[in-house]
Amino acid sequence: MNAYVKAAAWGAVAGLRAMSAPAFASRVAVSSKVRLTLRALAVGEMIADKLPSTPDRTSAPALGARVISGALVGAAMGSKSGTTRVLCAALGGVAAVGAAYAGMNLRRSAGARMNVPDTAIALLEDALVVGMGSALPAAKRRDVPVVARKPVLQSVPVPSFAGLRA
């Protein structure tokens, strides 16, 4: 599977569930703390998706999060060359938009046509996301930015106040 296909496929996952794409794509590439955090966010998103107060995935903030998620995961699928990363990021973002709209329309029409509660369709969508996320190739450790591999506090320089007087 070439980088462009991987980027588009991961973008589609991000279009369905924004946090699931980075959670699955980074399963081997980042520290255990980052993986655990991403997984918790993905599970939280899957739970929140079932709440009646959750806005549509095509509302500006939700769609923006999906585009950003798809672009970041898409870029991680690209090679180290800048051009490939930019193209993969663009493909991931565009695929996220397409999947967000397609998923929303399919979910609404399937629920209406089959006369089943939206929660049942949402659970099927979750299963699709988990299946896709498990089947797609993960990002390689070398393709993830160094800051995502280190705990944040270890990568932030701490200023020295030696020599300062009160």
C-alpha atoms as a PDB file:
ATOM      1  CA  MET A   1       0.000   0.000   0.000  1.00  0.00           C
ATOM      2  CA  ASN A   2       1.612   3.273  -1.043  1.00  0.00           C
ATOM      3  CA  ALA A   3       1.771   6.405   1.113  1.00  0.00           C
ATOM      4  CA  TYR A   4      -1.045   8.194  -0.732  1.00  0.00           C
ATOM      5  CA  VAL A   5      -3.497   5.329  -0.286  1.00  0.00           C
ATOM      6  CA  LYS A   6      -2.558   5.031   3.404  1.00  0.00           C
ATOM      7  CA  ALA A   7      -3.015   8.782   3.899  1.00  0.00           C
ATOM      8  CA  ALA A   8      -6.445   8.746   2.254  1.00  0.00           C
ATOM      9  CA  ALA A   9      -7.547   5.671   4.204  1.00  0.00           C
ATOM     10  CA  TRP A  10      -6.441   7.170   7.529  1.00  0.00           C
ATOM     11  CA  GLY A  11      -8.157  10.419   6.535  1.00  0.00           C
ATOM     12  CA  ALA A  12     -11.378   8.456   6.060  1.00  0.00           C
ATOM     13  CA  VAL A  13     -11.009   7.030   9.570  1.00  0.00           C
ATOM     14  CA  ALA A  14     -10.510  10.575  10.890  1.00  0.00           C
ATOM     15  CA  GLY A  15     -13.634  11.692   9.051  1.00  0.00           C
ATOM     16  CA  LEU A  16     -15.687   9.111  10.924  1.00  0.00           C
ATOM     17  CA  ARG A  17     -14.013   9.520  14.340  1.00  0.00           C
ATOM     18  CA  ALA A  18     -11.437  12.292  14.660  1.00  0.00           C
ATOM     19  CA  MET A  19      -9.483  10.866  17.600  1.00  0.00           C
ATOM     20  CA  SER A  20      -9.527   7.249  16.453  1.00  0.00           C
ATOM     21  CA  ALA A  21      -7.219   7.935  13.504  1.00  0.00           C
ATOM     22  CA  PRO A  22      -4.280   9.182  15.610  1.00  0.00           C
ATOM     23  CA  ALA A  23      -4.987   6.568  18.302  1.00  0.00           C
ATOM     24  CA  PHE A  24      -4.741   3.650  15.868  1.00  0.00           C
ATOM     25  CA  ALA A  25      -2.108   5.123  13.540  1.00  0.00           C
ATOM     26  CA  SER A  26       0.314   5.792  16.387  1.00  0.00           C
ATOM     27  CA  ARG A  27      -0.032   2.389  18.017  1.00  0.00           C
ATOM     28  CA  VAL A  28       3.662   1.590  17.558  1.00  0.00           C
ATOM     29  CA  ALA A  29       5.199   4.998  16.988  1.00  0.00           C
ATOM     30  CA  VAL A  30       4.832   6.980  20.196  1.00  0.00           C
ATOM     31  CA  SER A  31       5.429   6.586  23.913  1.00  0.00           C
ATOM     32  CA  SER A  32       3.022   4.519  25.980  1.00  0.00           C
ATOM     33  CA  LYS A  33       1.723   7.642  27.741  1.00  0.00           C
ATOM     34  CA  VAL A  34       0.841   9.292  24.430  1.00  0.00           C
ATOM     35  CA  ARG A  35      -0.792   6.074  23.180  1.00  0.00           C
ATOM     36  CA  LEU A  36      -2.865   5.787  26.351  1.00  0.00           C
ATOM     37  CA  THR A  37      -3.952   9.429  26.100  1.00  0.00           C
ATOM     38  CA  LEU A  38      -4.942   9.054  22.438  1.00  0.00           C
ATOM     39  CA  ARG A  39      -6.882   5.879  23.184  1.00  0.00           C
ATOM     40  CA  ALA A  40      -8.731   7.564  26.052  1.00  0.00           C
ATOM     41  CA  LEU A  41      -9.644  10.473  23.770  1.00  0.00           C
ATOM     42  CA  ALA A  42     -10.856   8.052  21.075  1.00  0.00           C
ATOM     43  CA  VAL A  43     -13.054   6.151  23.543  1.00  0.00           C
ATOM     44  CA  GLY A  44     -14.370   9.451  24.916  1.00  0.00           C
ATOM     45  CA  GLU A  45     -15.269  10.580  21.415  1.00  0.00           C
ATOM     46  CA  MET A  46     -17.088   7.318  20.708  1.00  0.00           C
ATOM     47  CA  ILE A  47     -19.125   7.773  23.896  1.00  0.00           C
ATOM     48  CA  ALA A  48     -19.834  11.461  23.229  1.00  0.00           C
ATOM     49  CA  ASP A  49     -20.986  10.644  19.700  1.00  0.00           C
ATOM     50  CA  LYS A  50     -24.014   8.819  21.128  1.00  0.00           C
ATOM     51  CA  LEU A  51     -25.207  11.816  23.195  1.00  0.00           C
ATOM     52  CA  PRO A  52     -28.103  13.838  21.791  1.00  0.00           C
ATOM     53  CA  SER A  53     -26.325  17.115  22.630  1.00  0.00           C
ATOM     54  CA  THR A  54     -23.326  16.301  20.418  1.00  0.00           C
ATOM     55  CA  PRO A  55     -23.233  18.587  17.368  1.00  0.00           C
ATOM     56  CA  ASP A  56     -23.137  17.213  13.826  1.00  0.00           C
ATOM     57  CA  ARG A  57     -19.732  16.055  12.619  1.00  0.00           C
ATOM     58  CA  THR A  58     -20.035  18.610   9.821  1.00  0.00           C
ATOM     59  CA  SER A  59     -20.335  21.592  12.176  1.00  0.00           C
ATOM     60  CA  ALA A  60     -17.319  23.882  11.855  1.00  0.00           C
ATOM     61  CA  PRO A  61     -15.444  22.811  15.032  1.00  0.00           C
ATOM     62  CA  ALA A  62     -16.072  19.090  14.531  1.00  0.00           C
ATOM     63  CA  LEU A  63     -15.202  19.158  10.839  1.00  0.00           C
ATOM     64  CA  GLY A  64     -12.094  21.220  11.580  1.00  0.00           C
ATOM     65  CA  ALA A  65     -10.921  18.647  14.120  1.00  0.00           C
ATOM     66  CA  ARG A  66     -11.455  15.872  11.583  1.00  0.00           C
ATOM     67  CA  VAL A  67      -9.522  17.736   8.883  1.00  0.00           C
ATOM     68  CA  ILE A  68      -6.624  18.425  11.266  1.00  0.00           C
ATOM     69  CA  SER A  69      -6.613  14.813  12.466  1.00  0.00           C
ATOM     70  CA  GLY A  70      -6.715  13.461   8.907  1.00  0.00           C
ATOM     71  CA  ALA A  71      -3.969  15.820   7.776  1.00  0.00           C
ATOM     72  CA  LEU A  72      -1.662  14.965  10.691  1.00  0.00           C
ATOM     73  CA  VAL A  73      -2.105  11.226  10.321  1.00  0.00           C
ATOM     74  CA  GLY A  74      -1.824  11.562   6.539  1.00  0.00           C
ATOM     75  CA  ALA A  75       1.461  13.434   6.909  1.00  0.00           C
ATOM     76  CA  ALA A  76       2.780  10.695   9.199  1.00  0.00           C
ATOM     77  CA  MET A  77       2.103   8.178   6.433  1.00  0.00           C
ATOM     78  CA  GLY A  78       4.268  10.117   3.980  1.00  0.00           C
ATOM     79  CA  SER A  79       7.969   9.587   3.570  1.00  0.00           C
ATOM     80  CA  LYS A  80      10.521  11.971   4.986  1.00  0.00           C
ATOM     81  CA  SER A  81      10.480  14.058   1.807  1.00  0.00           C
ATOM     82  CA  GLY A  82       8.592  17.309   2.334  1.00  0.00           C
ATOM     83  CA  THR A  83       6.605  17.108  -0.886  1.00  0.00           C
ATOM     84  CA  THR A  84       5.231  13.661  -0.117  1.00  0.00           C
ATOM     85  CA  ARG A  85       4.293  14.702   3.415  1.00  0.00           C
ATOM     86  CA  VAL A  86       2.441  17.769   2.165  1.00  0.00           C
ATOM     87  CA  LEU A  87       0.534  15.743  -0.430  1.00  0.00           C
ATOM     88  CA  CYS A  88      -0.270  13.023   2.100  1.00  0.00           C
ATOM     89  CA  ALA A  89      -1.466  15.641   4.595  1.00  0.00           C
ATOM     90  CA  ALA A  90      -3.714  17.189   1.941  1.00  0.00           C
ATOM     91  CA  LEU A  91      -5.085  13.768   0.982  1.00  0.00           C
ATOM     92  CA  GLY A  92      -5.752  12.916   4.614  1.00  0.00           C
ATOM     93  CA  GLY A  93      -7.608  16.189   5.187  1.00  0.00           C
ATOM     94  CA  VAL A  94      -9.697  15.913   2.015  1.00  0.00           C
ATOM     95  CA  ALA A  95     -10.547  12.271   2.743  1.00  0.00           C
ATOM     96  CA  ALA A  96     -11.627  13.268   6.263  1.00  0.00           C
ATOM     97  CA  VAL A  97     -14.087  15.808   4.848  1.00  0.00           C
ATOM     98  CA  GLY A  98     -15.473  13.291   2.355  1.00  0.00           C
ATOM     99  CA  ALA A  99     -15.835  10.578   4.993  1.00  0.00           C
ATOM    100  CA  ALA A 100     -17.450  12.969   7.476  1.00  0.00           C
ATOM    101  CA  TYR A 101     -20.182  13.910   5.018  1.00  0.00           C
ATOM    102  CA  ALA A 102     -20.571  10.371   3.666  1.00  0.00           C
ATOM    103  CA  GLY A 103     -20.726   8.898   7.177  1.00  0.00           C
ATOM    104  CA  MET A 104     -23.302  11.438   8.320  1.00  0.00           C
ATOM    105  CA  ASN A 105     -25.523  10.879   5.273  1.00  0.00           C
ATOM    106  CA  LEU A 106     -25.218   7.077   5.438  1.00  0.00           C
ATOM    107  CA  ARG A 107     -25.970   7.069   9.151  1.00  0.00           C
ATOM    108  CA  ARG A 108     -29.093   9.198   8.713  1.00  0.00           C
ATOM    109  CA  SER A 109     -30.418   7.311   5.711  1.00  0.00           C
ATOM    110  CA  ALA A 110     -29.669   3.872   7.186  1.00  0.00           C
ATOM    111  CA  GLY A 111     -31.433   4.759  10.416  1.00  0.00           C
ATOM    112  CA  ALA A 112     -34.485   6.084   8.572  1.00  0.00           C
ATOM    113  CA  ARG A 113     -34.610   3.253   6.037  1.00  0.00           C
ATOM    114  CA  MET A 114     -34.155   0.420   8.545  1.00  0.00           C
ATOM    115  CA  ASN A 115     -36.159   2.157  11.281  1.00  0.00           C
ATOM    116  CA  VAL A 116     -33.512   1.529  13.945  1.00  0.00           C
ATOM    117  CA  PRO A 117     -32.297   3.914  16.648  1.00  0.00           C
ATOM    118  CA  ASP A 118     -29.374   6.174  15.787  1.00  0.00           C
ATOM    119  CA  THR A 119     -27.329   4.617  18.601  1.00  0.00           C
ATOM    120  CA  ALA A 120     -27.419   1.227  16.872  1.00  0.00           C
ATOM    121  CA  ILE A 121     -26.127   2.747  13.634  1.00  0.00           C
ATOM    122  CA  ALA A 122     -23.485   4.673  15.598  1.00  0.00           C
ATOM    123  CA  LEU A 123     -22.264   1.428  17.190  1.00  0.00           C
ATOM    124  CA  LEU A 124     -21.949  -0.133  13.731  1.00  0.00           C
ATOM    125  CA  GLU A 125     -19.962   2.913  12.663  1.00  0.00           C
ATOM    126  CA  ASP A 126     -17.707   2.483  15.697  1.00  0.00           C
ATOM    127  CA  ALA A 127     -17.126  -1.137  14.711  1.00  0.00           C
ATOM    128  CA  LEU A 128     -16.208  -0.012  11.192  1.00  0.00           C
ATOM    129  CA  VAL A 129     -13.727   2.523  12.596  1.00  0.00           C
ATOM    130  CA  VAL A 130     -12.142  -0.057  14.908  1.00  0.00           C
ATOM    131  CA  GLY A 131     -11.902  -2.563  12.048  1.00  0.00           C
ATOM    132  CA  MET A 132     -10.340  -0.034   9.682  1.00  0.00           C
ATOM    133  CA  GLY A 133      -7.988   1.272  12.368  1.00  0.00           C
ATOM    134  CA  SER A 134      -6.834  -2.239  13.223  1.00  0.00           C
ATOM    135  CA  ALA A 135      -6.359  -3.277   9.589  1.00  0.00           C
ATOM    136  CA  LEU A 136      -4.525  -0.212   8.269  1.00  0.00           C
ATOM    137  CA  PRO A 137      -0.746   0.011   8.656  1.00  0.00           C
ATOM    138  CA  ALA A 138       0.435   2.138  11.572  1.00  0.00           C
ATOM    139  CA  ALA A 139       2.880   5.015  11.320  1.00  0.00           C
ATOM    140  CA  LYS A 140       6.504   4.031  11.710  1.00  0.00           C
ATOM    141  CA  ARG A 141       8.368   5.445  14.671  1.00  0.00           C
ATOM    142  CA  ARG A 142      10.763   7.332  12.389  1.00  0.00           C
ATOM    143  CA  ASP A 143       7.836   9.165  10.749  1.00  0.00           C
ATOM    144  CA  VAL A 144       6.392  10.637  13.947  1.00  0.00           C
ATOM    145  CA  PRO A 145       7.789  13.982  15.143  1.00  0.00           C
ATOM    146  CA  VAL A 146      10.252  13.622  18.011  1.00  0.00           C
ATOM    147  CA  VAL A 147       8.143  15.776  20.338  1.00  0.00           C
ATOM    148  CA  ALA A 148       5.323  13.192  20.135  1.00  0.00           C
ATOM    149  CA  ARG A 149       7.697  10.408  21.160  1.00  0.00           C
ATOM    150  CA  LYS A 150       8.954  12.111  24.328  1.00  0.00           C
ATOM    151  CA  PRO A 151       6.984  13.015  27.397  1.00  0.00           C
ATOM    152  CA  VAL A 152       6.239  16.733  27.062  1.00  0.00           C
ATOM    153  CA  LEU A 153       8.002  17.795  30.256  1.00  0.00           C
ATOM    154  CA  GLN A 154      11.258  16.185  29.116  1.00  0.00           C
ATOM    155  CA  SER A 155      11.227  18.136  25.858  1.00  0.00           C
ATOM    156  CA  VAL A 156      10.597  21.587  27.391  1.00  0.00           C
ATOM    157  CA  PRO A 157      13.746  23.484  28.379  1.00  0.00           C
ATOM    158  CA  VAL A 158      13.746  24.751  31.945  1.00  0.00           C
ATOM    159  CA  PRO A 159      15.332  28.175  32.444  1.00  0.00           C
ATOM    160  CA  SER A 160      18.029  28.511  35.035  1.00  0.00           C
ATOM    161  CA  PHE A 161      17.533  31.206  37.637  1.00  0.00           C
ATOM    162  CA  ALA A 162      20.993  30.790  39.147  1.00  0.00           C
ATOM    163  CA  GLY A 163      22.623  34.111  39.817  1.00  0.00           C
ATOM    164  CA  LEU A 164      19.385  36.096  40.145  1.00  0.00           C
ATOM    165  CA  ARG A 165      18.965  38.052  43.337  1.00  0.00           C
ATOM    166  CA  ALA A 166      15.722  38.858  45.056  1.00  0.00           C
END
